[in-house]
Amino acid sequence: MKTTYTTQGTCARYIDIEIEADKITRVNFVGGCRGNTAGLSALIEGMSTYEVIQKLKGIECRGNTSCPDQLANALESMLMEKAS
């Protein structure tokens, strides 16, 4: 499953995400702090979507959200879409 998620309230504008069998296979942030988003992407590759959501949901940077929080929101949206 692939998606491009439009972020809200962060420097990153979009997140491209690929998931196979509930494991994250690829994440690419468009915009944002390149080192931080590339590091985050590398760390979560191969992890379960549920584990990533649990670890990243609610992390704040500015405006009550962050790139990690937006990624968690994107993953939740993907799981809801898959369930419907």
N, C-alpha and C. Protein backbone atom coordinates (compact mmCIF):
# COMPACT_ATOMS: atom_id res chain seq x y z
N MET A 1 0.85 -1.17 0.00
CA MET A 1 0.00 0.00 0.00
C MET A 1 0.90 1.23 0.00
N LYS A 2 0.58 2.18 -0.85
CA LYS A 2 1.34 3.43 -0.96
C LYS A 2 0.40 4.62 -0.77
N THR A 3 0.96 5.68 -0.22
CA THR A 3 0.19 6.91 -0.11
C THR A 3 1.13 8.10 -0.04
N THR A 4 0.60 9.26 -0.38
CA THR A 4 1.27 10.53 -0.14
C THR A 4 0.36 11.31 0.79
N TYR A 5 0.86 11.60 1.97
CA TYR A 5 0.09 12.27 3.01
C TYR A 5 0.47 13.74 3.05
N THR A 6 -0.51 14.62 3.02
CA THR A 6 -0.28 16.06 3.14
C THR A 6 -0.27 16.42 4.62
N THR A 7 0.87 16.90 5.09
CA THR A 7 1.02 17.23 6.50
C THR A 7 0.36 18.56 6.83
N GLN A 8 0.15 18.76 8.13
CA GLN A 8 -0.42 20.01 8.62
C GLN A 8 0.40 20.48 9.80
N GLY A 9 0.84 21.73 9.76
CA GLY A 9 1.53 22.33 10.90
C GLY A 9 2.99 21.98 11.04
N THR A 10 3.62 21.46 9.98
CA THR A 10 5.04 21.11 10.04
C THR A 10 5.79 21.72 8.87
N CYS A 11 7.11 21.71 8.96
CA CYS A 11 7.94 22.19 7.85
C CYS A 11 7.86 21.24 6.66
N ALA A 12 7.76 19.94 6.94
CA ALA A 12 7.57 18.97 5.85
C ALA A 12 6.18 19.20 5.24
N ARG A 13 6.12 19.14 3.92
CA ARG A 13 4.84 19.38 3.24
C ARG A 13 4.08 18.09 2.96
N TYR A 14 4.81 17.03 2.67
CA TYR A 14 4.21 15.73 2.33
C TYR A 14 5.05 14.62 2.92
N ILE A 15 4.42 13.44 3.06
CA ILE A 15 5.16 12.24 3.43
C ILE A 15 4.73 11.14 2.46
N ASP A 16 5.68 10.58 1.73
CA ASP A 16 5.43 9.43 0.87
C ASP A 16 5.70 8.19 1.70
N ILE A 17 4.73 7.27 1.74
CA ILE A 17 4.82 6.09 2.61
C ILE A 17 4.47 4.84 1.82
N GLU A 18 5.23 3.77 2.07
CA GLU A 18 4.91 2.46 1.51
C GLU A 18 4.90 1.45 2.65
N ILE A 19 3.85 0.60 2.66
CA ILE A 19 3.68 -0.43 3.67
C ILE A 19 3.39 -1.75 2.97
N GLU A 20 4.01 -2.82 3.46
CA GLU A 20 3.71 -4.17 2.98
C GLU A 20 3.52 -5.06 4.19
N ALA A 21 2.40 -5.77 4.24
CA ALA A 21 2.10 -6.70 5.35
C ALA A 21 2.27 -6.00 6.71
N ASP A 22 1.73 -4.80 6.83
CA ASP A 22 1.77 -4.00 8.06
C ASP A 22 3.18 -3.65 8.53
N LYS A 23 4.16 -3.71 7.64
CA LYS A 23 5.52 -3.28 7.94
C LYS A 23 5.85 -2.08 7.04
N ILE A 24 6.54 -1.11 7.59
CA ILE A 24 6.92 0.07 6.82
C ILE A 24 8.13 -0.29 5.96
N THR A 25 7.98 -0.10 4.65
CA THR A 25 9.08 -0.42 3.74
C THR A 25 9.79 0.82 3.23
N ARG A 26 9.10 1.97 3.24
CA ARG A 26 9.72 3.20 2.74
C ARG A 26 8.96 4.40 3.27
N VAL A 27 9.71 5.41 3.72
CA VAL A 27 9.14 6.70 4.11
C VAL A 27 10.06 7.79 3.59
N ASN A 28 9.46 8.78 2.93
CA ASN A 28 10.22 9.92 2.42
C ASN A 28 9.46 11.21 2.73
N PHE A 29 10.09 12.08 3.50
CA PHE A 29 9.49 13.37 3.81
C PHE A 29 9.89 14.36 2.72
N VAL A 30 8.93 15.15 2.26
CA VAL A 30 9.19 16.22 1.29
C VAL A 30 9.17 17.52 2.08
N GLY A 31 10.33 18.13 2.22
CA GLY A 31 10.47 19.32 3.05
C GLY A 31 10.87 18.89 4.46
N GLY A 32 10.98 19.85 5.33
CA GLY A 32 11.37 19.56 6.70
C GLY A 32 12.87 19.55 6.88
N CYS A 33 13.31 19.20 8.07
CA CYS A 33 14.73 19.13 8.40
C CYS A 33 15.30 17.83 7.85
N ARG A 34 16.06 17.93 6.78
CA ARG A 34 16.51 16.76 6.01
C ARG A 34 17.19 15.69 6.87
N GLY A 35 18.10 16.08 7.72
CA GLY A 35 18.79 15.10 8.56
C GLY A 35 17.85 14.38 9.51
N ASN A 36 16.97 15.12 10.14
CA ASN A 36 16.03 14.52 11.09
C ASN A 36 15.03 13.59 10.39
N THR A 37 14.48 14.04 9.27
CA THR A 37 13.48 13.21 8.60
C THR A 37 14.12 11.99 7.95
N ALA A 38 15.34 12.12 7.42
CA ALA A 38 16.04 10.97 6.85
C ALA A 38 16.40 9.97 7.95
N GLY A 39 16.82 10.47 9.10
CA GLY A 39 17.14 9.60 10.23
C GLY A 39 15.91 8.87 10.73
N LEU A 40 14.82 9.58 10.88
CA LEU A 40 13.56 8.97 11.31
C LEU A 40 13.13 7.89 10.33
N SER A 41 13.21 8.19 9.05
CA SER A 41 12.82 7.22 8.02
C SER A 41 13.67 5.96 8.11
N ALA A 42 14.97 6.11 8.29
CA ALA A 42 15.87 4.95 8.38
C ALA A 42 15.58 4.12 9.63
N LEU A 43 15.28 4.78 10.73
CA LEU A 43 15.04 4.06 11.99
C LEU A 43 13.77 3.22 11.96
N ILE A 44 12.73 3.69 11.28
CA ILE A 44 11.45 2.97 11.33
C ILE A 44 11.26 1.97 10.20
N GLU A 45 12.16 1.96 9.23
CA GLU A 45 12.03 1.01 8.13
C GLU A 45 12.05 -0.42 8.68
N GLY A 46 11.06 -1.21 8.29
CA GLY A 46 10.94 -2.59 8.75
C GLY A 46 10.11 -2.76 10.01
N MET A 47 9.76 -1.65 10.66
CA MET A 47 8.95 -1.73 11.88
C MET A 47 7.47 -1.89 11.54
N SER A 48 6.73 -2.38 12.49
CA SER A 48 5.28 -2.51 12.36
C SER A 48 4.64 -1.12 12.42
N THR A 49 3.60 -0.94 11.63
CA THR A 49 2.90 0.35 11.63
C THR A 49 2.36 0.66 13.02
N TYR A 50 1.87 -0.34 13.72
CA TYR A 50 1.30 -0.13 15.05
C TYR A 50 2.36 0.33 16.05
N GLU A 51 3.55 -0.25 15.98
CA GLU A 51 4.63 0.13 16.88
C GLU A 51 5.06 1.57 16.63
N VAL A 52 5.16 1.95 15.36
CA VAL A 52 5.56 3.31 15.01
C VAL A 52 4.52 4.32 15.49
N ILE A 53 3.25 4.01 15.29
CA ILE A 53 2.18 4.90 15.76
C ILE A 53 2.29 5.08 17.27
N GLN A 54 2.46 3.98 17.99
CA GLN A 54 2.54 4.03 19.44
C GLN A 54 3.72 4.90 19.91
N LYS A 55 4.85 4.80 19.24
CA LYS A 55 6.04 5.54 19.65
C LYS A 55 6.01 7.02 19.26
N LEU A 56 5.39 7.35 18.12
CA LEU A 56 5.49 8.71 17.59
C LEU A 56 4.27 9.60 17.82
N LYS A 57 3.11 9.00 18.06
CA LYS A 57 1.87 9.77 18.22
C LYS A 57 2.00 10.74 19.39
N GLY A 58 1.72 12.01 19.13
CA GLY A 58 1.68 13.01 20.19
C GLY A 58 2.99 13.76 20.42
N ILE A 59 4.05 13.40 19.70
CA ILE A 59 5.31 14.15 19.83
C ILE A 59 5.10 15.54 19.25
N GLU A 60 5.47 16.56 20.02
CA GLU A 60 5.26 17.94 19.58
C GLU A 60 6.57 18.63 19.25
N CYS A 61 6.52 19.49 18.25
CA CYS A 61 7.64 20.34 17.88
C CYS A 61 7.17 21.79 17.95
N ARG A 62 6.22 22.10 17.10
CA ARG A 62 5.58 23.42 17.13
C ARG A 62 4.14 23.24 16.69
N GLY A 63 3.29 24.11 17.14
CA GLY A 63 1.89 24.02 16.74
C GLY A 63 1.21 22.74 17.16
N ASN A 64 1.62 22.15 18.29
CA ASN A 64 1.02 20.93 18.84
C ASN A 64 1.17 19.71 17.95
N THR A 65 2.13 19.70 17.04
CA THR A 65 2.40 18.54 16.20
C THR A 65 3.88 18.53 15.84
N SER A 66 4.29 17.57 15.04
CA SER A 66 5.67 17.44 14.60
C SER A 66 5.68 16.51 13.39
N CYS A 67 6.82 16.39 12.75
CA CYS A 67 6.93 15.43 11.63
C CYS A 67 6.66 14.00 12.11
N PRO A 68 7.22 13.57 13.27
CA PRO A 68 6.89 12.23 13.74
C PRO A 68 5.39 12.05 14.03
N ASP A 69 4.77 13.06 14.63
CA ASP A 69 3.33 12.99 14.92
C ASP A 69 2.53 12.93 13.62
N GLN A 70 2.92 13.71 12.63
CA GLN A 70 2.22 13.68 11.35
C GLN A 70 2.38 12.32 10.67
N LEU A 71 3.54 11.71 10.82
CA LEU A 71 3.74 10.37 10.28
C LEU A 71 2.80 9.38 10.97
N ALA A 72 2.67 9.47 12.28
CA ALA A 72 1.74 8.61 13.02
C ALA A 72 0.31 8.81 12.52
N ASN A 73 -0.07 10.07 12.29
CA ASN A 73 -1.41 10.36 11.76
C ASN A 73 -1.60 9.74 10.38
N ALA A 74 -0.58 9.84 9.55
CA ALA A 74 -0.64 9.27 8.20
C ALA A 74 -0.81 7.76 8.27
N LEU A 75 -0.06 7.11 9.15
CA LEU A 75 -0.15 5.66 9.29
C LEU A 75 -1.52 5.24 9.80
N GLU A 76 -2.06 6.00 10.74
CA GLU A 76 -3.42 5.71 11.23
C GLU A 76 -4.43 5.83 10.09
N SER A 77 -4.29 6.85 9.27
CA SER A 77 -5.19 7.02 8.12
C SER A 77 -5.09 5.85 7.16
N MET A 78 -3.86 5.38 6.93
CA MET A 78 -3.67 4.24 6.03
C MET A 78 -4.33 2.99 6.60
N LEU A 79 -4.19 2.77 7.90
CA LEU A 79 -4.80 1.59 8.51
C LEU A 79 -6.32 1.65 8.46
N MET A 80 -6.89 2.85 8.68
CA MET A 80 -8.34 3.01 8.59
C MET A 80 -8.83 2.76 7.16
N GLU A 81 -8.09 3.27 6.18
CA GLU A 81 -8.44 3.07 4.78
C GLU A 81 -8.40 1.59 4.43
N LYS A 82 -7.39 0.91 4.92
CA LYS A 82 -7.23 -0.52 4.65
C LYS A 82 -8.38 -1.32 5.26
N ALA A 83 -8.82 -0.91 6.44
CA ALA A 83 -9.89 -1.63 7.17
C ALA A 83 -11.24 -1.44 6.52
N SER A 84 -11.43 -0.35 5.78
CA SER A 84 -12.75 -0.09 5.19
C SER A 84 -12.93 -0.72 3.84
